[in-house]
């Protein structure tokens, strides 16, 4: 009689094994843990890009030449007043990577170093004790990606600078 319970057990096992399998779903994944956000950085507002504006007004003397923001090389003949005795002021400014060569033949020559991040300015002056023969010219030659402006003024009666 022992064979019968075994046969029943085997039949039950086969019946269960023959049942169609249903899809099993695994339990829902645990929600991801929140990662704390990096602390907010307080960034300074961006600085406005420098602008090369109009040529400066020089306070003393007569303005002889004023060139607002431009690029490329230029040669200018100054008005006859530039040839007289007194002080001749040359004030260029530039912006961009490169240089600006400024030449008044036989009297003044200098280089202004320009950068993209800041307007470079310079004021140079010569004094004459007598009238110069012939016209006065000024040549400006930029290099690189340079924009520039210029003011030239003449003061026939400059104030004396105290000796110090």
Protein backbone atom coordinates (compact mmCIF):
# COMPACT_ATOMS: atom_id res chain seq x y z
CA UNK A 1 0.00 0.00 0.00
CA UNK A 2 2.90 2.20 0.11
CA UNK A 3 3.02 2.50 -3.63
CA UNK A 4 -0.17 4.40 -3.80
CA UNK A 5 0.83 7.49 -1.75
CA UNK A 6 3.99 7.74 -3.81
CA UNK A 7 1.99 7.55 -7.00
CA UNK A 8 -0.32 10.30 -5.75
CA UNK A 9 2.61 12.46 -4.80
CA UNK A 10 4.22 11.93 -8.20
CA UNK A 11 0.95 12.73 -9.97
CA UNK A 12 0.53 15.91 -7.93
CA UNK A 13 4.07 16.98 -8.76
CA UNK A 14 3.52 16.39 -12.46
CA UNK A 15 0.21 18.27 -12.38
CA UNK A 16 1.86 21.28 -10.80
CA UNK A 17 4.81 21.08 -13.19
CA UNK A 18 2.48 20.96 -16.15
CA UNK A 19 0.70 24.18 -15.22
CA UNK A 20 1.61 27.02 -17.58
CA UNK A 21 4.16 29.32 -16.11
CA UNK A 22 3.06 32.87 -15.51
CA UNK A 23 5.38 35.81 -15.74
CA UNK A 24 6.85 36.73 -12.49
CA UNK A 25 7.70 40.29 -11.78
CA UNK A 26 10.35 41.24 -9.39
CA UNK A 27 9.50 43.75 -6.76
CA UNK A 28 9.76 47.39 -7.89
CA UNK A 29 13.27 48.79 -7.56
CA UNK A 30 13.88 51.01 -4.63
CA UNK A 31 13.81 54.69 -5.55
CA UNK A 32 17.23 56.14 -6.20
CA UNK A 33 18.67 58.03 -3.34
CA UNK A 34 18.77 61.76 -3.89
CA UNK A 35 22.28 63.09 -4.21
CA UNK A 36 22.65 66.51 -2.66
CA UNK A 37 23.24 69.20 -5.27
CA UNK A 38 26.58 70.96 -5.35
CA UNK A 39 26.45 74.24 -3.50
CA UNK A 40 25.43 77.10 -5.76
CA UNK A 41 28.35 79.15 -7.00
CA UNK A 42 27.95 82.86 -6.92
CA UNK A 43 29.57 83.87 -10.16
CA UNK A 44 30.28 87.49 -10.82
CA UNK A 45 28.28 88.84 -13.73
CA UNK A 46 30.33 88.85 -16.92
CA UNK A 47 32.22 92.04 -17.54
CA UNK A 48 31.01 93.94 -20.56
CA UNK A 49 33.39 93.76 -23.49
CA UNK A 50 35.58 96.83 -23.77
CA UNK A 51 34.55 99.30 -26.44
CA UNK A 52 36.81 101.62 -28.34
CA UNK A 53 34.69 104.72 -28.59
CA UNK A 54 35.25 108.19 -29.92
CA UNK A 55 38.68 109.78 -29.79
CA UNK A 56 39.31 111.78 -26.60
CA UNK A 57 39.01 115.54 -26.32
CA UNK A 58 42.27 117.06 -25.16
CA UNK A 59 41.67 119.93 -22.79
CA UNK A 60 44.36 122.34 -23.95
CA UNK A 61 44.98 123.85 -27.35
CA UNK A 62 43.32 123.53 -30.73
CA UNK A 63 42.16 120.13 -31.91
CA UNK A 64 43.80 119.53 -35.31
CA UNK A 65 42.82 115.94 -36.04
CA UNK A 66 40.25 113.62 -34.58
CA UNK A 67 39.79 110.06 -35.87
CA UNK A 68 37.08 107.98 -34.20
CA UNK A 69 37.34 104.17 -33.98
CA UNK A 70 38.78 102.75 -37.19
CA UNK A 71 41.18 100.06 -38.41
CA UNK A 72 43.92 99.76 -40.99
CA UNK A 73 46.92 101.99 -41.61
CA UNK A 74 46.53 105.69 -42.35
CA UNK A 75 48.71 108.75 -43.06
CA UNK A 76 47.31 112.22 -42.32
CA UNK A 77 48.64 115.66 -43.19
CA UNK A 78 47.93 117.96 -40.28
CA UNK A 79 46.68 121.55 -40.72
CA UNK A 80 49.29 124.32 -40.92
CA UNK A 81 48.74 125.20 -37.25
CA UNK A 82 50.59 121.98 -36.37
CA UNK A 83 53.77 123.45 -37.91
CA UNK A 84 53.92 126.40 -35.51
CA UNK A 85 55.82 126.76 -32.24
CA UNK A 86 54.25 125.36 -29.10
CA UNK A 87 53.16 121.95 -27.89
CA UNK A 88 51.86 119.23 -30.20
CA UNK A 89 49.94 116.50 -28.35
CA UNK A 90 49.26 113.07 -29.88
CA UNK A 91 46.75 110.83 -28.09
CA UNK A 92 46.03 107.43 -29.65
CA UNK A 93 44.03 104.57 -28.12
CA UNK A 94 43.69 100.99 -29.36
CA UNK A 95 41.87 97.72 -28.72
CA UNK A 96 42.68 94.25 -30.05
CA UNK A 97 45.67 91.93 -30.05
CA UNK A 98 48.64 93.68 -31.65
CA UNK A 99 50.37 97.04 -31.73
CA UNK A 100 49.85 100.52 -33.09
CA UNK A 101 52.91 102.30 -34.50
CA UNK A 102 52.64 106.10 -34.43
CA UNK A 103 55.16 108.20 -36.38
CA UNK A 104 55.61 111.95 -36.85
CA UNK A 105 58.66 111.88 -39.13
CA UNK A 106 61.85 113.32 -37.55
CA UNK A 107 60.03 114.25 -34.32
CA UNK A 108 58.17 111.43 -32.61
CA UNK A 109 57.87 107.67 -32.93
CA UNK A 110 56.33 105.24 -30.48
CA UNK A 111 54.51 101.91 -30.26
CA UNK A 112 51.31 101.39 -28.33
CA UNK A 113 50.78 97.77 -27.22
CA UNK A 114 47.13 96.80 -27.61
CA UNK A 115 45.15 93.95 -26.01
CA UNK A 116 41.73 92.51 -26.67
CA UNK A 117 40.61 92.89 -23.06
CA UNK A 118 41.35 96.55 -22.38
CA UNK A 119 41.59 99.83 -24.26
CA UNK A 120 45.23 100.99 -24.26
CA UNK A 121 45.79 104.77 -24.25
CA UNK A 122 48.83 106.99 -24.47
CA UNK A 123 49.47 110.73 -24.60
CA UNK A 124 52.75 111.98 -26.04
CA UNK A 125 53.74 115.58 -26.53
CA UNK A 126 56.53 117.45 -28.26
CA UNK A 127 57.44 121.10 -27.85
CA UNK A 128 58.70 123.30 -30.62
CA UNK A 129 60.36 126.67 -30.10
CA UNK A 130 59.97 127.76 -33.72
CA UNK A 131 57.90 127.12 -36.82
CA UNK A 132 58.59 123.85 -38.64
CA UNK A 133 59.18 123.92 -42.41
CA UNK A 134 56.81 121.94 -44.55
CA UNK A 135 53.70 120.04 -43.59
CA UNK A 136 53.50 117.84 -40.52
CA UNK A 137 52.28 114.32 -41.19
CA UNK A 138 51.37 111.52 -38.86
CA UNK A 139 51.33 107.84 -39.83
CA UNK A 140 49.50 105.11 -37.92
CA UNK A 141 50.21 101.46 -38.64
CA UNK A 142 48.35 98.76 -36.70
CA UNK A 143 49.29 95.09 -36.55
CA UNK A 144 47.05 92.15 -35.83
CA UNK A 145 43.35 92.71 -35.19
CA UNK A 146 43.68 96.26 -33.84
CA UNK A 147 41.10 99.05 -33.93
CA UNK A 148 42.26 102.52 -32.96
CA UNK A 149 41.33 106.18 -32.53
CA UNK A 150 43.40 109.35 -32.37
CA UNK A 151 43.34 112.98 -31.35
CA UNK A 152 46.08 115.49 -32.24
CA UNK A 153 46.03 118.97 -30.70
CA UNK A 154 48.31 122.01 -30.84
CA UNK A 155 48.75 124.57 -28.10
CA UNK A 156 50.78 127.62 -29.20
CA UNK A 157 51.10 128.84 -25.60
CA UNK A 158 51.52 125.82 -23.37
CA UNK A 159 51.77 126.38 -19.65
CA UNK A 160 55.26 126.01 -18.30
CA UNK A 161 55.79 122.91 -16.21
CA UNK A 162 57.38 123.79 -12.86
CA UNK A 163 60.86 122.32 -12.43
CA UNK A 164 60.73 119.76 -9.73
